[in-house]
Amino acid sequence: PSFARKRMEAEHPSSTAVLEPFLVKNTHLNKHIFQYPPPFGFLDMKNELQEILDLLPAISEERRGRRDCRRCLVIGNGGILKGLGLGPLFNQFSAII
């Protein structure tokens, strides 16, 4: 809601503006995310996930590699991540939430 956005903007004035989401085409979906049911994975939901991802626009060549192009990752504290060795993958993102 707009009241929540205004409050967040007031509390975090240095944050960047909301950007349109995009995907790098040919994004590889790791097979491990299809081993578990929600909320830990996408078991039996590969087609649905692909349909949702297809709705997001692709990154334009103009934006690729620009300094203002930041990638963020939102992850939870689920024990399912333990031992998967995803640290190097996570480190590729500009911000991890």
PDB file of N, CA and C in Angstrom:
ATOM      1  N   PRO A   1       0.822  -1.197   0.000  1.00  0.00           N
ATOM      2  CA  PRO A   1       0.000   0.000   0.000  1.00  0.00           C
ATOM      3  C   PRO A   1       0.863   1.257   0.000  1.00  0.00           C
ATOM      4  N   SER A   2       0.299   2.338  -0.475  1.00  0.00           N
ATOM      5  CA  SER A   2       1.072   3.582  -0.591  1.00  0.00           C
ATOM      6  C   SER A   2       1.545   4.092   0.764  1.00  0.00           C
ATOM      7  N   PHE A   3       0.744   3.895   1.828  1.00  0.00           N
ATOM      8  CA  PHE A   3       1.191   4.378   3.136  1.00  0.00           C
ATOM      9  C   PHE A   3       2.439   3.634   3.601  1.00  0.00           C
ATOM     10  N   ALA A   4       2.535   2.361   3.287  1.00  0.00           N
ATOM     11  CA  ALA A   4       3.712   1.584   3.679  1.00  0.00           C
ATOM     12  C   ALA A   4       4.937   2.030   2.889  1.00  0.00           C
ATOM     13  N   ARG A   5       4.748   2.282   1.601  1.00  0.00           N
ATOM     14  CA  ARG A   5       5.864   2.756   0.775  1.00  0.00           C
ATOM     15  C   ARG A   5       6.377   4.099   1.287  1.00  0.00           C
ATOM     16  N   LYS A   6       5.455   5.009   1.604  1.00  0.00           N
ATOM     17  CA  LYS A   6       5.866   6.330   2.108  1.00  0.00           C
ATOM     18  C   LYS A   6       6.629   6.208   3.417  1.00  0.00           C
ATOM     19  N   ARG A   7       6.172   5.331   4.290  1.00  0.00           N
ATOM     20  CA  ARG A   7       6.863   5.141   5.565  1.00  0.00           C
ATOM     21  C   ARG A   7       8.263   4.559   5.343  1.00  0.00           C
ATOM     22  N   MET A   8       8.367   3.567   4.458  1.00  0.00           N
ATOM     23  CA  MET A   8       9.676   2.966   4.175  1.00  0.00           C
ATOM     24  C   MET A   8      10.617   3.994   3.540  1.00  0.00           C
ATOM     25  N   GLU A   9      10.104   4.797   2.628  1.00  0.00           N
ATOM     26  CA  GLU A   9      10.939   5.820   2.008  1.00  0.00           C
ATOM     27  C   GLU A   9      11.417   6.844   3.026  1.00  0.00           C
ATOM     28  N   ALA A  10      10.553   7.172   4.008  1.00  0.00           N
ATOM     29  CA  ALA A  10      10.938   8.123   5.047  1.00  0.00           C
ATOM     30  C   ALA A  10      12.000   7.532   5.973  1.00  0.00           C
ATOM     31  N   GLU A  11      11.869   6.255   6.275  1.00  0.00           N
ATOM     32  CA  GLU A  11      12.820   5.594   7.168  1.00  0.00           C
ATOM     33  C   GLU A  11      14.142   5.244   6.479  1.00  0.00           C
ATOM     34  N   HIS A  12      14.112   5.091   5.163  1.00  0.00           N
ATOM     35  CA  HIS A  12      15.305   4.697   4.402  1.00  0.00           C
ATOM     36  C   HIS A  12      15.494   5.636   3.204  1.00  0.00           C
ATOM     37  N   PRO A  13      15.820   6.902   3.467  1.00  0.00           N
ATOM     38  CA  PRO A  13      15.905   7.870   2.371  1.00  0.00           C
ATOM     39  C   PRO A  13      17.040   7.591   1.378  1.00  0.00           C
ATOM     40  N   SER A  14      18.033   6.818   1.778  1.00  0.00           N
ATOM     41  CA  SER A  14      19.155   6.578   0.873  1.00  0.00           C
ATOM     42  C   SER A  14      18.937   5.389  -0.052  1.00  0.00           C
ATOM     43  N   SER A  15      17.810   4.706   0.094  1.00  0.00           N
ATOM     44  CA  SER A  15      17.578   3.542  -0.755  1.00  0.00           C
ATOM     45  C   SER A  15      17.267   3.977  -2.184  1.00  0.00           C
ATOM     46  N   THR A  16      17.474   3.066  -3.111  1.00  0.00           N
ATOM     47  CA  THR A  16      17.265   3.378  -4.519  1.00  0.00           C
ATOM     48  C   THR A  16      15.791   3.225  -4.882  1.00  0.00           C
ATOM     49  N   ALA A  17      15.427   3.808  -5.980  1.00  0.00           N
ATOM     50  CA  ALA A  17      14.046   3.726  -6.450  1.00  0.00           C
ATOM     51  C   ALA A  17      13.706   2.295  -6.861  1.00  0.00           C
ATOM     52  N   VAL A  18      12.421   1.997  -6.854  1.00  0.00           N
ATOM     53  CA  VAL A  18      11.963   0.678  -7.281  1.00  0.00           C
ATOM     54  C   VAL A  18      12.172   0.566  -8.781  1.00  0.00           C
ATOM     55  N   LEU A  19      12.767  -0.533  -9.194  1.00  0.00           N
ATOM     56  CA  LEU A  19      13.030  -0.760 -10.606  1.00  0.00           C
ATOM     57  C   LEU A  19      12.135  -1.865 -11.133  1.00  0.00           C
ATOM     58  N   GLU A  20      11.923  -1.874 -12.415  1.00  0.00           N
ATOM     59  CA  GLU A  20      11.166  -2.956 -13.028  1.00  0.00           C
ATOM     60  C   GLU A  20      11.993  -4.234 -12.948  1.00  0.00           C
ATOM     61  N   PRO A  21      11.362  -5.353 -12.619  1.00  0.00           N
ATOM     62  CA  PRO A  21      12.112  -6.611 -12.580  1.00  0.00           C
ATOM     63  C   PRO A  21      12.452  -7.066 -13.989  1.00  0.00           C
ATOM     64  N   PHE A  22      13.519  -7.820 -14.113  1.00  0.00           N
ATOM     65  CA  PHE A  22      13.887  -8.409 -15.392  1.00  0.00           C
ATOM     66  C   PHE A  22      14.673  -9.679 -15.131  1.00  0.00           C
ATOM     67  N   LEU A  23      14.784 -10.493 -16.151  1.00  0.00           N
ATOM     68  CA  LEU A  23      15.566 -11.712 -16.075  1.00  0.00           C
ATOM     69  C   LEU A  23      16.600 -11.724 -17.183  1.00  0.00           C
ATOM     70  N   VAL A  24      17.729 -12.323 -16.900  1.00  0.00           N
ATOM     71  CA  VAL A  24      18.698 -12.601 -17.953  1.00  0.00           C
ATOM     72  C   VAL A  24      18.152 -13.829 -18.656  1.00  0.00           C
ATOM     73  N   LYS A  25      17.988 -13.759 -19.962  1.00  0.00           N
ATOM     74  CA  LYS A  25      17.421 -14.895 -20.685  1.00  0.00           C
ATOM     75  C   LYS A  25      18.312 -16.111 -20.524  1.00  0.00           C
ATOM     76  N   ASN A  26      17.725 -17.268 -20.672  1.00  0.00           N
ATOM     77  CA  ASN A  26      18.394 -18.551 -20.475  1.00  0.00           C
ATOM     78  C   ASN A  26      18.825 -18.731 -19.026  1.00  0.00           C
ATOM     79  N   THR A  27      18.061 -18.138 -18.111  1.00  0.00           N
ATOM     80  CA  THR A  27      18.344 -18.328 -16.694  1.00  0.00           C
ATOM     81  C   THR A  27      18.208 -19.811 -16.385  1.00  0.00           C
ATOM     82  N   HIS A  28      19.238 -20.379 -15.789  1.00  0.00           N
ATOM     83  CA  HIS A  28      19.245 -21.807 -15.505  1.00  0.00           C
ATOM     84  C   HIS A  28      18.504 -22.082 -14.204  1.00  0.00           C
ATOM     85  N   LEU A  29      17.518 -22.952 -14.275  1.00  0.00           N
ATOM     86  CA  LEU A  29      16.789 -23.354 -13.077  1.00  0.00           C
ATOM     87  C   LEU A  29      17.450 -24.614 -12.530  1.00  0.00           C
ATOM     88  N   ASN A  30      18.062 -24.498 -11.381  1.00  0.00           N
ATOM     89  CA  ASN A  30      18.771 -25.599 -10.754  1.00  0.00           C
ATOM     90  C   ASN A  30      17.793 -26.721 -10.419  1.00  0.00           C
ATOM     91  N   LYS A  31      18.158 -27.944 -10.738  1.00  0.00           N
ATOM     92  CA  LYS A  31      17.262 -29.090 -10.511  1.00  0.00           C
ATOM     93  C   LYS A  31      16.929 -29.289  -9.031  1.00  0.00           C
ATOM     94  N   HIS A  32      17.770 -28.790  -8.145  1.00  0.00           N
ATOM     95  CA  HIS A  32      17.535 -28.973  -6.713  1.00  0.00           C
ATOM     96  C   HIS A  32      16.281 -28.243  -6.234  1.00  0.00           C
ATOM     97  N   ILE A  33      15.898 -27.156  -6.895  1.00  0.00           N
ATOM     98  CA  ILE A  33      14.720 -26.425  -6.421  1.00  0.00           C
ATOM     99  C   ILE A  33      13.428 -27.177  -6.697  1.00  0.00           C
ATOM    100  N   PHE A  34      13.497 -28.242  -7.492  1.00  0.00           N
ATOM    101  CA  PHE A  34      12.305 -29.029  -7.804  1.00  0.00           C
ATOM    102  C   PHE A  34      12.211 -30.305  -6.960  1.00  0.00           C
ATOM    103  N   GLN A  35      13.095 -30.461  -5.976  1.00  0.00           N
ATOM    104  CA  GLN A  35      13.095 -31.660  -5.136  1.00  0.00           C
ATOM    105  C   GLN A  35      12.169 -31.539  -3.935  1.00  0.00           C
ATOM    106  N   TYR A  36      11.808 -30.325  -3.547  1.00  0.00           N
ATOM    107  CA  TYR A  36      11.051 -30.116  -2.315  1.00  0.00           C
ATOM    108  C   TYR A  36       9.772 -29.328  -2.597  1.00  0.00           C
ATOM    109  N   PRO A  37       8.724 -29.572  -1.810  1.00  0.00           N
ATOM    110  CA  PRO A  37       7.482 -28.810  -1.993  1.00  0.00           C
ATOM    111  C   PRO A  37       7.620 -27.406  -1.410  1.00  0.00           C
ATOM    112  N   PRO A  38       6.720 -26.484  -1.798  1.00  0.00           N
ATOM    113  CA  PRO A  38       6.729 -25.150  -1.200  1.00  0.00           C
ATOM    114  C   PRO A  38       6.566 -25.250   0.313  1.00  0.00           C
ATOM    115  N   PRO A  39       7.128 -24.409   1.106  1.00  0.00           N
ATOM    116  CA  PRO A  39       7.832 -23.183   0.736  1.00  0.00           C
ATOM    117  C   PRO A  39       9.322 -23.373   0.495  1.00  0.00           C
ATOM    118  N   PHE A  40       9.791 -24.614   0.479  1.00  0.00           N
ATOM    119  CA  PHE A  40      11.219 -24.869   0.351  1.00  0.00           C
ATOM    120  C   PHE A  40      11.668 -25.107  -1.080  1.00  0.00           C
ATOM    121  N   GLY A  41      10.752 -25.330  -1.970  1.00  0.00           N
ATOM    122  CA  GLY A  41      11.091 -25.600  -3.355  1.00  0.00           C
ATOM    123  C   GLY A  41       9.862 -25.513  -4.243  1.00  0.00           C
ATOM    124  N   PHE A  42       9.967 -26.110  -5.416  1.00  0.00           N
ATOM    125  CA  PHE A  42       8.891 -26.046  -6.403  1.00  0.00           C
ATOM    126  C   PHE A  42       8.545 -27.434  -6.929  1.00  0.00           C
ATOM    127  N   LEU A  43       8.436 -28.409  -6.024  1.00  0.00           N
ATOM    128  CA  LEU A  43       8.119 -29.779  -6.402  1.00  0.00           C
ATOM    129  C   LEU A  43       6.826 -29.813  -7.220  1.00  0.00           C
ATOM    130  N   ASP A  44       6.883 -30.476  -8.372  1.00  0.00           N
ATOM    131  CA  ASP A  44       5.729 -30.618  -9.268  1.00  0.00           C
ATOM    132  C   ASP A  44       5.179 -29.284  -9.764  1.00  0.00           C
ATOM    133  N   MET A  45       6.016 -28.251  -9.806  1.00  0.00           N
ATOM    134  CA  MET A  45       5.549 -26.935 -10.233  1.00  0.00           C
ATOM    135  C   MET A  45       6.444 -26.324 -11.311  1.00  0.00           C
ATOM    136  N   LYS A  46       7.198 -27.147 -12.032  1.00  0.00           N
ATOM    137  CA  LYS A  46       8.152 -26.619 -13.004  1.00  0.00           C
ATOM    138  C   LYS A  46       7.450 -25.784 -14.078  1.00  0.00           C
ATOM    139  N   ASN A  47       6.343 -26.271 -14.613  1.00  0.00           N
ATOM    140  CA  ASN A  47       5.643 -25.532 -15.669  1.00  0.00           C
ATOM    141  C   ASN A  47       5.082 -24.210 -15.147  1.00  0.00           C
ATOM    142  N   GLU A  48       4.505 -24.243 -13.944  1.00  0.00           N
ATOM    143  CA  GLU A  48       3.949 -23.027 -13.369  1.00  0.00           C
ATOM    144  C   GLU A  48       5.036 -21.988 -13.122  1.00  0.00           C
ATOM    145  N   LEU A  49       6.180 -22.437 -12.595  1.00  0.00           N
ATOM    146  CA  LEU A  49       7.289 -21.521 -12.356  1.00  0.00           C
ATOM    147  C   LEU A  49       7.775 -20.921 -13.657  1.00  0.00           C
ATOM    148  N   GLN A  50       7.891 -21.731 -14.698  1.00  0.00           N
ATOM    149  CA  GLN A  50       8.359 -21.220 -15.987  1.00  0.00           C
ATOM    150  C   GLN A  50       7.378 -20.204 -16.558  1.00  0.00           C
ATOM    151  N   GLU A  51       6.087 -20.434 -16.386  1.00  0.00           N
ATOM    152  CA  GLU A  51       5.081 -19.483 -16.854  1.00  0.00           C
ATOM    153  C   GLU A  51       5.238 -18.134 -16.160  1.00  0.00           C
ATOM    154  N   ILE A  52       5.488 -18.165 -14.863  1.00  0.00           N
ATOM    155  CA  ILE A  52       5.673 -16.921 -14.107  1.00  0.00           C
ATOM    156  C   ILE A  52       6.941 -16.208 -14.559  1.00  0.00           C
ATOM    157  N   LEU A  53       8.024 -16.958 -14.718  1.00  0.00           N
ATOM    158  CA  LEU A  53       9.287 -16.347 -15.142  1.00  0.00           C
ATOM    159  C   LEU A  53       9.174 -15.768 -16.549  1.00  0.00           C
ATOM    160  N   ASP A  54       8.374 -16.387 -17.388  1.00  0.00           N
ATOM    161  CA  ASP A  54       8.191 -15.877 -18.753  1.00  0.00           C
ATOM    162  C   ASP A  54       7.469 -14.532 -18.773  1.00  0.00           C
ATOM    163  N   LEU A  55       6.755 -14.205 -17.702  1.00  0.00           N
ATOM    164  CA  LEU A  55       6.058 -12.920 -17.633  1.00  0.00           C
ATOM    165  C   LEU A  55       7.015 -11.753 -17.388  1.00  0.00           C
ATOM    166  N   LEU A  56       8.171 -12.033 -16.785  1.00  0.00           N
ATOM    167  CA  LEU A  56       9.138 -10.975 -16.496  1.00  0.00           C
ATOM    168  C   LEU A  56       9.888 -10.605 -17.767  1.00  0.00           C
ATOM    169  N   PRO A  57      10.129  -9.324 -17.961  1.00  0.00           N
ATOM    170  CA  PRO A  57      10.847  -8.913 -19.175  1.00  0.00           C
ATOM    171  C   PRO A  57      12.318  -9.315 -19.103  1.00  0.00           C
ATOM    172  N   ALA A  58      12.914  -9.485 -20.273  1.00  0.00           N
ATOM    173  CA  ALA A  58      14.348  -9.789 -20.344  1.00  0.00           C
ATOM    174  C   ALA A  58      15.134  -8.503 -20.184  1.00  0.00           C
ATOM    175  N   ILE A  59      16.357  -8.626 -19.713  1.00  0.00           N
ATOM    176  CA  ILE A  59      17.237  -7.466 -19.599  1.00  0.00           C
ATOM    177  C   ILE A  59      17.594  -6.986 -21.007  1.00  0.00           C
ATOM    178  N   SER A  60      17.574  -5.692 -21.194  1.00  0.00           N
ATOM    179  CA  SER A  60      17.932  -5.160 -22.503  1.00  0.00           C
ATOM    180  C   SER A  60      19.448  -5.075 -22.614  1.00  0.00           C
ATOM    181  N   GLU A  61      19.954  -5.132 -23.821  1.00  0.00           N
ATOM    182  CA  GLU A  61      21.396  -5.020 -24.046  1.00  0.00           C
ATOM    183  C   GLU A  61      21.905  -3.674 -23.543  1.00  0.00           C
ATOM    184  N   GLU A  62      21.044  -2.670 -23.597  1.00  0.00           N
ATOM    185  CA  GLU A  62      21.416  -1.330 -23.136  1.00  0.00           C
ATOM    186  C   GLU A  62      21.737  -1.330 -21.640  1.00  0.00           C
ATOM    187  N   ARG A  63      20.995  -2.118 -20.868  1.00  0.00           N
ATOM    188  CA  ARG A  63      21.189  -2.143 -19.413  1.00  0.00           C
ATOM    189  C   ARG A  63      22.281  -3.112 -18.983  1.00  0.00           C
ATOM    190  N   ARG A  64      22.581  -4.097 -19.807  1.00  0.00           N
ATOM    191  CA  ARG A  64      23.539  -5.133 -19.419  1.00  0.00           C
ATOM    192  C   ARG A  64      24.903  -4.521 -19.102  1.00  0.00           C
ATOM    193  N   GLY A  65      25.399  -4.794 -17.915  1.00  0.00           N
ATOM    194  CA  GLY A  65      26.727  -4.349 -17.538  1.00  0.00           C
ATOM    195  C   GLY A  65      26.818  -2.925 -17.032  1.00  0.00           C
ATOM    196  N   ARG A  66      25.715  -2.200 -17.014  1.00  0.00           N
ATOM    197  CA  ARG A  66      25.765  -0.827 -16.495  1.00  0.00           C
ATOM    198  C   ARG A  66      25.951  -0.858 -14.998  1.00  0.00           C
ATOM    199  N   ARG A  67      26.575   0.159 -14.481  1.00  0.00           N
ATOM    200  CA  ARG A  67      26.837   0.213 -13.045  1.00  0.00           C
ATOM    201  C   ARG A  67      25.568   0.308 -12.215  1.00  0.00           C
ATOM    202  N   ASP A  68      24.514   0.916 -12.777  1.00  0.00           N
ATOM    203  CA  ASP A  68      23.290   1.048 -11.992  1.00  0.00           C
ATOM    204  C   ASP A  68      22.421  -0.207 -12.058  1.00  0.00           C
ATOM    205  N   CYS A  69      22.867  -1.189 -12.797  1.00  0.00           N
ATOM    206  CA  CYS A  69      22.135  -2.444 -12.891  1.00  0.00           C
ATOM    207  C   CYS A  69      22.575  -3.336 -11.733  1.00  0.00           C
ATOM    208  N   ARG A  70      21.702  -3.458 -10.715  1.00  0.00           N
ATOM    209  CA  ARG A  70      22.026  -4.240  -9.526  1.00  0.00           C
ATOM    210  C   ARG A  70      21.138  -5.465  -9.475  1.00  0.00           C
ATOM    211  N   ARG A  71      21.697  -6.530  -8.993  1.00  0.00           N
ATOM    212  CA  ARG A  71      20.944  -7.772  -8.845  1.00  0.00           C
ATOM    213  C   ARG A  71      20.793  -8.057  -7.363  1.00  0.00           C
ATOM    214  N   CYS A  72      19.587  -8.447  -6.957  1.00  0.00           N
ATOM    215  CA  CYS A  72      19.393  -8.762  -5.549  1.00  0.00           C
ATOM    216  C   CYS A  72      18.854 -10.177  -5.412  1.00  0.00           C
ATOM    217  N   LEU A  73      19.068 -10.727  -4.238  1.00  0.00           N
ATOM    218  CA  LEU A  73      18.650 -12.080  -3.919  1.00  0.00           C
ATOM    219  C   LEU A  73      17.905 -12.031  -2.595  1.00  0.00           C
ATOM    220  N   VAL A  74      16.738 -12.636  -2.557  1.00  0.00           N
ATOM    221  CA  VAL A  74      15.969 -12.709  -1.324  1.00  0.00           C
ATOM    222  C   VAL A  74      15.941 -14.172  -0.912  1.00  0.00           C
ATOM    223  N   ILE A  75      16.502 -14.468   0.271  1.00  0.00           N
ATOM    224  CA  ILE A  75      16.526 -15.845   0.753  1.00  0.00           C
ATOM    225  C   ILE A  75      16.032 -15.883   2.189  1.00  0.00           C
ATOM    226  N   GLY A  76      15.592 -17.030   2.604  1.00  0.00           N
ATOM    227  CA  GLY A  76      15.147 -17.215   3.975  1.00  0.00           C
ATOM    228  C   GLY A  76      16.217 -17.936   4.769  1.00  0.00           C
ATOM    229  N   ASN A  77      15.881 -18.290   5.982  1.00  0.00           N
ATOM    230  CA  ASN A  77      16.843 -18.954   6.844  1.00  0.00           C
ATOM    231  C   ASN A  77      16.581 -20.448   6.929  1.00  0.00           C
ATOM    232  N   GLY A  78      15.969 -21.002   5.902  1.00  0.00           N
ATOM    233  CA  GLY A  78      15.622 -22.418   5.905  1.00  0.00           C
ATOM    234  C   GLY A  78      16.841 -23.323   5.981  1.00  0.00           C
ATOM    235  N   GLY A  79      16.740 -24.352   6.782  1.00  0.00           N
ATOM    236  CA  GLY A  79      17.817 -25.313   6.905  1.00  0.00           C
ATOM    237  C   GLY A  79      18.085 -26.071   5.624  1.00  0.00           C
ATOM    238  N   ILE A  80      17.175 -25.968   4.675  1.00  0.00           N
ATOM    239  CA  ILE A  80      17.340 -26.663   3.404  1.00  0.00           C
ATOM    240  C   ILE A  80      18.563 -26.153   2.630  1.00  0.00           C
ATOM    241  N   LEU A  81      19.000 -24.946   2.934  1.00  0.00           N
ATOM    242  CA  LEU A  81      20.151 -24.362   2.241  1.00  0.00           C
ATOM    243  C   LEU A  81      21.477 -24.904   2.767  1.00  0.00           C
ATOM    244  N   LYS A  82      21.449 -25.473   3.965  1.00  0.00           N
ATOM    245  CA  LYS A  82      22.668 -25.945   4.614  1.00  0.00           C
ATOM    246  C   LYS A  82      23.333 -27.045   3.791  1.00  0.00           C
ATOM    247  N   GLY A  83      24.620 -26.856   3.550  1.00  0.00           N
ATOM    248  CA  GLY A  83      25.402 -27.872   2.863  1.00  0.00           C
ATOM    249  C   GLY A  83      25.284 -27.886   1.352  1.00  0.00           C
ATOM    250  N   LEU A  84      24.528 -26.970   0.774  1.00  0.00           N
ATOM    251  CA  LEU A  84      24.380 -26.958  -0.681  1.00  0.00           C
ATOM    252  C   LEU A  84      25.529 -26.253  -1.383  1.00  0.00           C
ATOM    253  N   GLY A  85      26.373 -25.550  -0.637  1.00  0.00           N
ATOM    254  CA  GLY A  85      27.514 -24.870  -1.251  1.00  0.00           C
ATOM    255  C   GLY A  85      27.109 -23.735  -2.169  1.00  0.00           C
ATOM    256  N   LEU A  86      26.074 -22.994  -1.802  1.00  0.00           N
ATOM    257  CA  LEU A  86      25.560 -21.926  -2.657  1.00  0.00           C
ATOM    258  C   LEU A  86      26.233 -20.579  -2.420  1.00  0.00           C
ATOM    259  N   GLY A  87      27.185 -20.518  -1.494  1.00  0.00           N
ATOM    260  CA  GLY A  87      27.861 -19.257  -1.184  1.00  0.00           C
ATOM    261  C   GLY A  87      28.412 -18.539  -2.410  1.00  0.00           C
ATOM    262  N   PRO A  88      29.179 -19.228  -3.276  1.00  0.00           N
ATOM    263  CA  PRO A  88      29.713 -18.552  -4.467  1.00  0.00           C
ATOM    264  C   PRO A  88      28.606 -18.006  -5.378  1.00  0.00           C
ATOM    265  N   LEU A  89      27.496 -18.716  -5.477  1.00  0.00           N
ATOM    266  CA  LEU A  89      26.371 -18.228  -6.287  1.00  0.00           C
ATOM    267  C   LEU A  89      25.769 -16.989  -5.648  1.00  0.00           C
ATOM    268  N   PHE A  90      25.555 -17.017  -4.339  1.00  0.00           N
ATOM    269  CA  PHE A  90      24.987 -15.878  -3.634  1.00  0.00           C
ATOM    270  C   PHE A  90      25.885 -14.652  -3.758  1.00  0.00           C
ATOM    271  N   ASN A  91      27.181 -14.843  -3.761  1.00  0.00           N
ATOM    272  CA  ASN A  91      28.133 -13.725  -3.827  1.00  0.00           C
ATOM    273  C   ASN A  91      28.102 -12.993  -5.170  1.00  0.00           C
ATOM    274  N   GLN A  92      27.412 -13.520  -6.160  1.00  0.00           N
ATOM    275  CA  GLN A  92      27.312 -12.850  -7.459  1.00  0.00           C
ATOM    276  C   GLN A  92      26.297 -11.707  -7.436  1.00  0.00           C
ATOM    277  N   PHE A  93      25.525 -11.598  -6.374  1.00  0.00           N
ATOM    278  CA  PHE A  93      24.472 -10.598  -6.300  1.00  0.00           C
ATOM    279  C   PHE A  93      24.967  -9.330  -5.605  1.00  0.00           C
ATOM    280  N   SER A  94      24.387  -8.212  -6.003  1.00  0.00           N
ATOM    281  CA  SER A  94      24.754  -6.915  -5.432  1.00  0.00           C
ATOM    282  C   SER A  94      24.242  -6.770  -4.015  1.00  0.00           C
ATOM    283  N   ALA A  95      23.052  -7.285  -3.769  1.00  0.00           N
ATOM    284  CA  ALA A  95      22.446  -7.178  -2.450  1.00  0.00           C
ATOM    285  C   ALA A  95      21.777  -8.494  -2.117  1.00  0.00           C
ATOM    286  N   ILE A  96      21.932  -8.923  -0.875  1.00  0.00           N
ATOM    287  CA  ILE A  96      21.296 -10.150  -0.413  1.00  0.00           C
ATOM    288  C   ILE A  96      20.385  -9.783   0.750  1.00  0.00           C
ATOM    289  N   ILE A  97      19.119 -10.112   0.609  1.00  0.00           N
ATOM    290  CA  ILE A  97      18.126  -9.765   1.620  1.00  0.00           C
ATOM    291  C   ILE A  97      17.653 -11.061   2.271  1.00  0.00           C
TER     292      ILE A  97
END
